[in-house]
Amino acid sequence: MADPESLRNIARSRAPLSTWLGVVLLFALFGVIVLAIIGPSPRSSDYEETRAKKRMENLKNLREDAEKALNTYAWIDKNKGLVRIPIGRAMEVTIAQLAQQKPAAAGPIATPETQAASPAPAGSPQPSATQPAASPSPAAQSSPPASASPAPAKTP
């Protein structure tokens, strides 16, 4: 613990007024120097306006190019006979081609017996004895049996 006499000396020895005045003047001098350096620099937004105009011009050019690519005919590769057609025409041709085709039957559905030859991933569920190996519809697998549903809890 500090001596009580030394604590009184510390409390009485305050810095003279000239020291505090010197510190304040140094801060003021620093502020003047900062203002002298920053003050004359241009504060206009010409730079930002120029950048904004350039971005708008780039966006306009990009949209014009996209519009041209989507709505005009052009050769992509003459040697291969590959052409670009307008998107509206491409949709019309695609719809006409799909309307001419008959729906094809779906391929065979893989059952667990046919997949038994390949190893199942570690996280895949294995069929149990209570579950049928192949069920006719996915809805039958997702609905629980009526006897397995728990009875609602009664509250007093």
N, C-alpha and C. Protein backbone atom coordinates (compact mmCIF):
# COMPACT_ATOMS: atom_id res chain seq x y z
N MET A 1 0.84 -1.17 0.00
CA MET A 1 0.00 0.00 0.00
C MET A 1 0.88 1.23 0.00
N ALA A 2 0.45 2.26 -0.70
CA ALA A 2 1.24 3.49 -0.82
C ALA A 2 1.14 4.31 0.46
N ASP A 3 2.18 5.05 0.70
CA ASP A 3 2.24 5.91 1.89
C ASP A 3 1.24 7.06 1.73
N PRO A 4 0.49 7.42 2.77
CA PRO A 4 -0.49 8.50 2.66
C PRO A 4 0.14 9.83 2.28
N GLU A 5 1.38 10.07 2.69
CA GLU A 5 2.05 11.33 2.37
C GLU A 5 2.34 11.41 0.87
N SER A 6 2.75 10.29 0.26
CA SER A 6 3.04 10.30 -1.18
C SER A 6 1.76 10.49 -1.99
N LEU A 7 0.64 9.96 -1.48
CA LEU A 7 -0.62 10.17 -2.18
C LEU A 7 -1.02 11.64 -2.17
N ARG A 8 -0.75 12.34 -1.06
CA ARG A 8 -1.07 13.78 -1.00
C ARG A 8 -0.20 14.57 -1.96
N ASN A 9 1.08 14.17 -2.09
CA ASN A 9 1.99 14.87 -3.00
C ASN A 9 1.54 14.70 -4.45
N ILE A 10 1.08 13.50 -4.77
CA ILE A 10 0.62 13.25 -6.14
C ILE A 10 -0.62 14.07 -6.43
N ALA A 11 -1.52 14.15 -5.48
CA ALA A 11 -2.75 14.91 -5.66
C ALA A 11 -2.47 16.40 -5.79
N ARG A 12 -1.44 16.93 -5.06
CA ARG A 12 -1.12 18.37 -5.10
C ARG A 12 -0.34 18.75 -6.35
N SER A 13 0.46 17.83 -6.88
CA SER A 13 1.32 18.17 -8.02
C SER A 13 0.52 18.07 -9.31
N ARG A 14 -0.12 19.12 -9.65
CA ARG A 14 -0.86 19.18 -10.89
C ARG A 14 0.02 19.82 -11.94
N ALA A 15 -0.24 19.44 -13.18
CA ALA A 15 0.55 20.02 -14.27
C ALA A 15 0.22 21.50 -14.38
N PRO A 16 1.21 22.30 -14.64
CA PRO A 16 0.94 23.74 -14.74
C PRO A 16 0.05 24.05 -15.95
N LEU A 17 -0.56 25.17 -15.91
CA LEU A 17 -1.48 25.61 -16.95
C LEU A 17 -0.79 25.68 -18.31
N SER A 18 0.46 25.99 -18.35
CA SER A 18 1.18 26.12 -19.62
C SER A 18 1.29 24.77 -20.35
N THR A 19 1.38 23.68 -19.61
CA THR A 19 1.46 22.35 -20.23
C THR A 19 0.15 22.03 -20.93
N TRP A 20 -0.96 22.29 -20.25
CA TRP A 20 -2.27 22.04 -20.85
C TRP A 20 -2.48 22.94 -22.05
N LEU A 21 -2.06 24.16 -21.94
CA LEU A 21 -2.20 25.10 -23.07
C LEU A 21 -1.36 24.61 -24.26
N GLY A 22 -0.19 24.06 -24.00
CA GLY A 22 0.66 23.53 -25.06
C GLY A 22 0.01 22.34 -25.77
N VAL A 23 -0.62 21.46 -25.01
CA VAL A 23 -1.29 20.30 -25.60
C VAL A 23 -2.44 20.75 -26.49
N VAL A 24 -3.23 21.69 -26.03
CA VAL A 24 -4.36 22.21 -26.82
C VAL A 24 -3.85 22.87 -28.09
N LEU A 25 -2.79 23.62 -28.00
CA LEU A 25 -2.23 24.28 -29.19
C LEU A 25 -1.69 23.25 -30.19
N LEU A 26 -1.11 22.15 -29.70
CA LEU A 26 -0.63 21.10 -30.61
C LEU A 26 -1.80 20.48 -31.37
N PHE A 27 -2.91 20.20 -30.67
CA PHE A 27 -4.09 19.66 -31.36
C PHE A 27 -4.62 20.65 -32.39
N ALA A 28 -4.63 21.93 -32.05
CA ALA A 28 -5.12 22.95 -32.99
C ALA A 28 -4.19 23.01 -34.20
N LEU A 29 -2.89 22.94 -33.99
CA LEU A 29 -1.94 22.96 -35.10
C LEU A 29 -2.13 21.75 -36.00
N PHE A 30 -2.34 20.60 -35.41
CA PHE A 30 -2.60 19.40 -36.19
C PHE A 30 -3.86 19.57 -37.04
N GLY A 31 -4.91 20.13 -36.46
CA GLY A 31 -6.14 20.38 -37.21
C GLY A 31 -5.94 21.33 -38.37
N VAL A 32 -5.15 22.37 -38.16
CA VAL A 32 -4.88 23.34 -39.23
C VAL A 32 -4.10 22.66 -40.35
N ILE A 33 -3.14 21.83 -40.00
CA ILE A 33 -2.35 21.12 -41.03
C ILE A 33 -3.25 20.19 -41.84
N VAL A 34 -4.12 19.46 -41.17
CA VAL A 34 -5.04 18.55 -41.87
C VAL A 34 -5.94 19.34 -42.81
N LEU A 35 -6.49 20.45 -42.34
CA LEU A 35 -7.35 21.27 -43.19
C LEU A 35 -6.58 21.86 -44.37
N ALA A 36 -5.31 22.21 -44.17
CA ALA A 36 -4.51 22.77 -45.26
C ALA A 36 -4.25 21.72 -46.33
N ILE A 37 -4.12 20.47 -45.94
CA ILE A 37 -3.86 19.41 -46.91
C ILE A 37 -5.14 18.99 -47.61
N ILE A 38 -6.21 18.78 -46.85
CA ILE A 38 -7.46 18.27 -47.41
C ILE A 38 -8.29 19.38 -48.05
N GLY A 39 -8.22 20.57 -47.53
CA GLY A 39 -9.06 21.68 -47.99
C GLY A 39 -8.98 21.97 -49.48
N PRO A 40 -7.80 22.12 -50.07
CA PRO A 40 -7.73 22.48 -51.50
C PRO A 40 -8.12 21.35 -52.45
N SER A 41 -8.21 20.10 -51.97
CA SER A 41 -8.54 19.00 -52.88
C SER A 41 -9.98 19.15 -53.37
N PRO A 42 -10.21 18.83 -54.64
CA PRO A 42 -11.57 19.00 -55.19
C PRO A 42 -12.55 18.04 -54.52
N ARG A 43 -13.68 18.56 -54.15
CA ARG A 43 -14.69 17.73 -53.50
C ARG A 43 -15.89 17.50 -54.41
N SER A 44 -15.72 17.74 -55.68
CA SER A 44 -16.85 17.54 -56.59
C SER A 44 -17.01 16.05 -56.87
N SER A 45 -18.17 15.69 -57.39
CA SER A 45 -18.45 14.28 -57.66
C SER A 45 -18.27 13.97 -59.15
N ASP A 46 -17.36 14.69 -59.81
CA ASP A 46 -17.12 14.43 -61.23
C ASP A 46 -16.65 13.00 -61.46
N TYR A 47 -15.80 12.51 -60.58
CA TYR A 47 -15.29 11.16 -60.73
C TYR A 47 -16.42 10.15 -60.66
N GLU A 48 -17.29 10.29 -59.66
CA GLU A 48 -18.41 9.37 -59.50
C GLU A 48 -19.40 9.51 -60.66
N GLU A 49 -19.63 10.74 -61.12
CA GLU A 49 -20.53 10.94 -62.26
C GLU A 49 -19.97 10.28 -63.51
N THR A 50 -18.66 10.38 -63.72
CA THR A 50 -18.02 9.75 -64.88
C THR A 50 -18.15 8.23 -64.80
N ARG A 51 -17.92 7.69 -63.62
CA ARG A 51 -18.06 6.24 -63.45
C ARG A 51 -19.49 5.80 -63.69
N ALA A 52 -20.45 6.58 -63.20
CA ALA A 52 -21.87 6.22 -63.37
C ALA A 52 -22.25 6.26 -64.84
N LYS A 53 -21.77 7.26 -65.57
CA LYS A 53 -22.07 7.35 -67.01
C LYS A 53 -21.47 6.15 -67.75
N LYS A 54 -20.24 5.79 -67.38
CA LYS A 54 -19.59 4.65 -68.04
C LYS A 54 -20.35 3.35 -67.75
N ARG A 55 -20.80 3.16 -66.51
CA ARG A 55 -21.59 1.96 -66.17
C ARG A 55 -22.89 1.93 -66.94
N MET A 56 -23.56 3.08 -67.06
CA MET A 56 -24.82 3.14 -67.80
C MET A 56 -24.58 2.82 -69.28
N GLU A 57 -23.49 3.31 -69.83
CA GLU A 57 -23.17 3.02 -71.23
C GLU A 57 -22.87 1.53 -71.42
N ASN A 58 -22.13 0.94 -70.48
CA ASN A 58 -21.84 -0.50 -70.56
C ASN A 58 -23.12 -1.33 -70.46
N LEU A 59 -24.02 -0.92 -69.57
CA LEU A 59 -25.29 -1.63 -69.43
C LEU A 59 -26.13 -1.50 -70.69
N LYS A 60 -26.15 -0.32 -71.28
CA LYS A 60 -26.90 -0.10 -72.52
C LYS A 60 -26.34 -0.99 -73.64
N ASN A 61 -25.01 -1.04 -73.76
CA ASN A 61 -24.39 -1.88 -74.79
C ASN A 61 -24.68 -3.36 -74.55
N LEU A 62 -24.63 -3.78 -73.30
CA LEU A 62 -24.91 -5.17 -72.97
C LEU A 62 -26.34 -5.54 -73.33
N ARG A 63 -27.28 -4.66 -73.01
CA ARG A 63 -28.68 -4.94 -73.33
C ARG A 63 -28.92 -4.94 -74.84
N GLU A 64 -28.26 -4.05 -75.57
CA GLU A 64 -28.39 -4.04 -77.03
C GLU A 64 -27.85 -5.34 -77.63
N ASP A 65 -26.70 -5.79 -77.11
CA ASP A 65 -26.12 -7.04 -77.61
C ASP A 65 -27.02 -8.23 -77.30
N ALA A 66 -27.59 -8.25 -76.11
CA ALA A 66 -28.49 -9.34 -75.73
C ALA A 66 -29.75 -9.31 -76.59
N GLU A 67 -30.28 -8.14 -76.83
CA GLU A 67 -31.48 -8.00 -77.68
C GLU A 67 -31.18 -8.48 -79.09
N LYS A 68 -30.01 -8.11 -79.60
CA LYS A 68 -29.61 -8.52 -80.94
C LYS A 68 -29.45 -10.05 -81.00
N ALA A 69 -28.82 -10.63 -79.98
CA ALA A 69 -28.59 -12.07 -79.97
C ALA A 69 -29.90 -12.84 -79.85
N LEU A 70 -30.88 -12.29 -79.14
CA LEU A 70 -32.13 -13.01 -78.94
C LEU A 70 -33.12 -12.85 -80.10
N ASN A 71 -32.98 -11.80 -80.88
CA ASN A 71 -34.02 -11.50 -81.87
C ASN A 71 -33.54 -11.41 -83.31
N THR A 72 -32.36 -11.91 -83.63
CA THR A 72 -31.88 -11.86 -85.01
C THR A 72 -31.34 -13.22 -85.44
N TYR A 73 -31.30 -13.40 -86.76
CA TYR A 73 -30.69 -14.59 -87.34
C TYR A 73 -29.20 -14.30 -87.52
N ALA A 74 -28.34 -15.30 -87.30
CA ALA A 74 -26.90 -15.12 -87.53
C ALA A 74 -26.24 -16.49 -87.63
N TRP A 75 -25.11 -16.51 -88.31
CA TRP A 75 -24.32 -17.73 -88.39
C TRP A 75 -23.50 -17.86 -87.13
N ILE A 76 -23.53 -19.03 -86.53
CA ILE A 76 -22.64 -19.32 -85.40
C ILE A 76 -21.39 -19.99 -85.94
N ASP A 77 -21.58 -21.02 -86.82
CA ASP A 77 -20.47 -21.70 -87.48
C ASP A 77 -20.93 -22.13 -88.86
N LYS A 78 -20.43 -21.42 -89.90
CA LYS A 78 -20.86 -21.73 -91.28
C LYS A 78 -20.41 -23.11 -91.70
N ASN A 79 -19.21 -23.52 -91.29
CA ASN A 79 -18.68 -24.82 -91.70
C ASN A 79 -19.55 -25.97 -91.19
N LYS A 80 -20.05 -25.84 -89.99
CA LYS A 80 -20.89 -26.89 -89.41
C LYS A 80 -22.36 -26.67 -89.74
N GLY A 81 -22.70 -25.53 -90.33
CA GLY A 81 -24.08 -25.23 -90.65
C GLY A 81 -24.89 -24.86 -89.41
N LEU A 82 -24.26 -24.29 -88.42
CA LEU A 82 -24.90 -23.94 -87.16
C LEU A 82 -25.33 -22.47 -87.20
N VAL A 83 -26.62 -22.22 -87.01
CA VAL A 83 -27.14 -20.85 -87.07
C VAL A 83 -27.86 -20.51 -85.77
N ARG A 84 -28.02 -19.20 -85.56
CA ARG A 84 -28.79 -18.71 -84.42
C ARG A 84 -30.09 -18.15 -84.96
N ILE A 85 -31.19 -18.52 -84.34
CA ILE A 85 -32.49 -18.00 -84.78
C ILE A 85 -33.10 -17.21 -83.62
N PRO A 86 -34.05 -16.33 -83.92
CA PRO A 86 -34.67 -15.56 -82.84
C PRO A 86 -35.37 -16.47 -81.83
N ILE A 87 -35.41 -16.04 -80.61
CA ILE A 87 -35.94 -16.86 -79.53
C ILE A 87 -37.42 -17.18 -79.75
N GLY A 88 -38.17 -16.23 -80.27
CA GLY A 88 -39.59 -16.49 -80.53
C GLY A 88 -39.78 -17.60 -81.55
N ARG A 89 -38.99 -17.55 -82.60
CA ARG A 89 -39.05 -18.58 -83.64
C ARG A 89 -38.59 -19.93 -83.08
N ALA A 90 -37.56 -19.92 -82.25
CA ALA A 90 -37.06 -21.15 -81.66
C ALA A 90 -38.13 -21.82 -80.79
N MET A 91 -38.89 -21.01 -80.05
CA MET A 91 -39.96 -21.59 -79.23
C MET A 91 -41.07 -22.16 -80.11
N GLU A 92 -41.39 -21.48 -81.21
CA GLU A 92 -42.41 -22.00 -82.12
C GLU A 92 -41.99 -23.33 -82.73
N VAL A 93 -40.73 -23.43 -83.17
CA VAL A 93 -40.22 -24.66 -83.77
C VAL A 93 -40.22 -25.79 -82.74
N THR A 94 -39.80 -25.48 -81.53
CA THR A 94 -39.75 -26.50 -80.48
C THR A 94 -41.15 -27.01 -80.14
N ILE A 95 -42.11 -26.11 -80.04
CA ILE A 95 -43.48 -26.52 -79.75
C ILE A 95 -44.03 -27.39 -80.87
N ALA A 96 -43.74 -27.01 -82.13
CA ALA A 96 -44.21 -27.81 -83.26
C ALA A 96 -43.58 -29.21 -83.24
N GLN A 97 -42.29 -29.30 -82.92
CA GLN A 97 -41.63 -30.60 -82.87
C GLN A 97 -42.18 -31.46 -81.73
N LEU A 98 -42.43 -30.86 -80.58
CA LEU A 98 -42.96 -31.62 -79.46
C LEU A 98 -44.40 -32.06 -79.72
N ALA A 99 -45.17 -31.26 -80.46
CA ALA A 99 -46.55 -31.62 -80.76
C ALA A 99 -46.61 -32.82 -81.71
N GLN A 100 -45.61 -32.98 -82.57
CA GLN A 100 -45.58 -34.09 -83.51
C GLN A 100 -45.17 -35.41 -82.85
N GLN A 101 -44.47 -35.35 -81.75
CA GLN A 101 -44.00 -36.56 -81.08
C GLN A 101 -45.10 -37.14 -80.22
N LYS A 102 -45.12 -38.46 -80.17
CA LYS A 102 -46.05 -39.15 -79.27
C LYS A 102 -45.33 -39.37 -77.95
N PRO A 103 -46.07 -39.31 -76.86
CA PRO A 103 -45.42 -39.57 -75.57
C PRO A 103 -44.88 -40.99 -75.53
N ALA A 104 -43.67 -41.15 -75.06
CA ALA A 104 -43.05 -42.47 -74.95
C ALA A 104 -43.30 -43.04 -73.57
N ALA A 105 -43.40 -44.35 -73.52
CA ALA A 105 -43.58 -45.02 -72.24
C ALA A 105 -42.32 -44.87 -71.41
N ALA A 106 -42.50 -44.79 -70.14
CA ALA A 106 -41.36 -44.68 -69.25
C ALA A 106 -40.61 -46.00 -69.21
N GLY A 107 -39.34 -45.94 -68.92
CA GLY A 107 -38.53 -47.14 -68.84
C GLY A 107 -38.88 -47.93 -67.59
N PRO A 108 -38.32 -49.12 -67.45
CA PRO A 108 -38.62 -49.94 -66.27
C PRO A 108 -38.11 -49.28 -65.01
N ILE A 109 -38.86 -49.47 -63.95
CA ILE A 109 -38.47 -48.90 -62.66
C ILE A 109 -37.59 -49.92 -61.96
N ALA A 110 -36.47 -49.47 -61.45
CA ALA A 110 -35.54 -50.37 -60.77
C ALA A 110 -36.09 -50.71 -59.40
N THR A 111 -36.15 -52.00 -59.11
CA THR A 111 -36.62 -52.47 -57.81
C THR A 111 -35.42 -52.82 -56.95
N PRO A 112 -35.61 -52.97 -55.65
CA PRO A 112 -34.47 -53.30 -54.79
C PRO A 112 -33.78 -54.60 -55.17
N GLU A 113 -34.51 -55.58 -55.73
CA GLU A 113 -33.87 -56.84 -56.10
C GLU A 113 -32.85 -56.62 -57.21
N THR A 114 -33.14 -55.75 -58.16
CA THR A 114 -32.20 -55.51 -59.26
C THR A 114 -31.03 -54.66 -58.79
N GLN A 115 -31.22 -53.92 -57.73
CA GLN A 115 -30.13 -53.09 -57.21
C GLN A 115 -29.29 -53.85 -56.19
N ALA A 116 -29.65 -55.07 -55.84
CA ALA A 116 -28.92 -55.83 -54.83
C ALA A 116 -27.50 -56.14 -55.28
N ALA A 117 -27.27 -56.21 -56.57
CA ALA A 117 -25.93 -56.52 -57.07
C ALA A 117 -24.96 -55.39 -56.77
N SER A 118 -25.45 -54.14 -56.75
CA SER A 118 -24.57 -53.01 -56.45
C SER A 118 -24.64 -52.73 -54.96
N PRO A 119 -23.51 -52.40 -54.32
CA PRO A 119 -23.53 -52.13 -52.89
C PRO A 119 -24.30 -50.84 -52.60
N ALA A 120 -25.13 -50.86 -51.57
CA ALA A 120 -25.92 -49.70 -51.19
C ALA A 120 -25.05 -48.74 -50.40
N PRO A 121 -25.29 -47.45 -50.53
CA PRO A 121 -24.53 -46.48 -49.73
C PRO A 121 -24.81 -46.70 -48.25
N ALA A 122 -23.90 -46.23 -47.41
CA ALA A 122 -23.99 -46.46 -45.98
C ALA A 122 -25.23 -45.82 -45.38
N GLY A 123 -25.68 -44.69 -45.88
CA GLY A 123 -26.81 -43.99 -45.31
C GLY A 123 -28.15 -44.44 -45.84
N SER A 124 -28.20 -45.37 -46.81
CA SER A 124 -29.48 -45.76 -47.39
C SER A 124 -30.17 -46.77 -46.50
N PRO A 125 -31.50 -46.66 -46.38
CA PRO A 125 -32.23 -47.61 -45.52
C PRO A 125 -32.30 -48.99 -46.17
N GLN A 126 -32.19 -50.00 -45.35
CA GLN A 126 -32.28 -51.38 -45.82
C GLN A 126 -33.72 -51.86 -45.62
N PRO A 127 -34.30 -52.61 -46.57
CA PRO A 127 -35.67 -53.11 -46.37
C PRO A 127 -35.69 -54.11 -45.22
N SER A 128 -36.68 -53.96 -44.36
CA SER A 128 -36.80 -54.86 -43.21
C SER A 128 -37.82 -55.94 -43.53
N ALA A 129 -37.98 -56.87 -42.61
CA ALA A 129 -38.89 -57.99 -42.83
C ALA A 129 -40.34 -57.52 -42.82
N THR A 130 -40.65 -56.44 -42.10
CA THR A 130 -42.03 -55.96 -42.03
C THR A 130 -42.41 -55.15 -43.25
N GLN A 131 -41.44 -54.61 -43.95
CA GLN A 131 -41.72 -53.82 -45.14
C GLN A 131 -41.68 -54.70 -46.36
N PRO A 132 -42.60 -54.52 -47.30
CA PRO A 132 -42.51 -55.29 -48.54
C PRO A 132 -41.31 -54.82 -49.34
N ALA A 133 -40.70 -55.74 -50.11
CA ALA A 133 -39.51 -55.41 -50.88
C ALA A 133 -39.82 -54.41 -51.97
N ALA A 134 -40.93 -54.57 -52.67
CA ALA A 134 -41.30 -53.63 -53.73
C ALA A 134 -42.76 -53.29 -53.53
N SER A 135 -43.04 -52.02 -53.46
CA SER A 135 -44.42 -51.59 -53.25
C SER A 135 -44.95 -51.01 -54.54
N PRO A 136 -46.22 -51.17 -54.87
CA PRO A 136 -46.74 -50.70 -56.15
C PRO A 136 -46.76 -49.19 -56.28
N SER A 137 -46.88 -48.43 -55.18
CA SER A 137 -46.92 -46.97 -55.30
C SER A 137 -46.10 -46.34 -54.19
N PRO A 138 -45.53 -45.17 -54.46
CA PRO A 138 -44.75 -44.50 -53.41
C PRO A 138 -45.63 -44.02 -52.28
N ALA A 139 -46.93 -43.77 -52.51
CA ALA A 139 -47.82 -43.31 -51.46
C ALA A 139 -48.00 -44.39 -50.40
N ALA A 140 -47.97 -45.66 -50.82
CA ALA A 140 -48.14 -46.76 -49.88
C ALA A 140 -46.97 -46.82 -48.91
N GLN A 141 -45.78 -46.45 -49.35
CA GLN A 141 -44.61 -46.49 -48.49
C GLN A 141 -44.61 -45.34 -47.50
N SER A 142 -45.11 -44.17 -47.89
CA SER A 142 -45.01 -43.00 -47.04
C SER A 142 -46.06 -42.96 -45.95
N SER A 143 -47.21 -43.64 -46.12
CA SER A 143 -48.25 -43.61 -45.09
C SER A 143 -48.03 -44.73 -44.10
N PRO A 144 -48.06 -44.41 -42.78
CA PRO A 144 -47.84 -45.45 -41.77
C PRO A 144 -49.09 -46.31 -41.63
N PRO A 145 -48.95 -47.54 -41.18
CA PRO A 145 -50.11 -48.40 -40.95
C PRO A 145 -50.98 -47.81 -39.85
N ALA A 146 -52.29 -48.13 -39.90
CA ALA A 146 -53.23 -47.56 -38.95
C ALA A 146 -52.93 -48.03 -37.54
N SER A 147 -52.44 -49.25 -37.37
CA SER A 147 -52.19 -49.77 -36.03
C SER A 147 -50.94 -49.15 -35.41
N ALA A 148 -50.07 -48.58 -36.22
CA ALA A 148 -48.82 -48.04 -35.70
C ALA A 148 -48.99 -46.61 -35.21
N SER A 149 -50.12 -45.96 -35.47
CA SER A 149 -50.27 -44.57 -35.05
C SER A 149 -50.52 -44.51 -33.56
N PRO A 150 -49.80 -43.61 -32.86
CA PRO A 150 -49.96 -43.53 -31.40
C PRO A 150 -51.28 -42.88 -31.04
N ALA A 151 -51.81 -43.27 -29.90
CA ALA A 151 -53.05 -42.69 -29.41
C ALA A 151 -52.77 -41.30 -28.87
N PRO A 152 -53.69 -40.35 -29.04
CA PRO A 152 -53.44 -38.99 -28.54
C PRO A 152 -53.36 -39.01 -27.01
N ALA A 153 -52.46 -38.19 -26.51
CA ALA A 153 -52.26 -38.13 -25.06
C ALA A 153 -53.38 -37.30 -24.44
N LYS A 154 -53.86 -37.78 -23.30
CA LYS A 154 -54.92 -37.05 -22.59
C LYS A 154 -54.27 -36.17 -21.54
N THR A 155 -54.75 -34.93 -21.49
CA THR A 155 -54.21 -34.02 -20.49
C THR A 155 -55.23 -33.83 -19.38
N PRO A 156 -54.78 -33.80 -18.13
CA PRO A 156 -55.73 -33.64 -17.00
C PRO A 156 -56.30 -32.27 -16.92
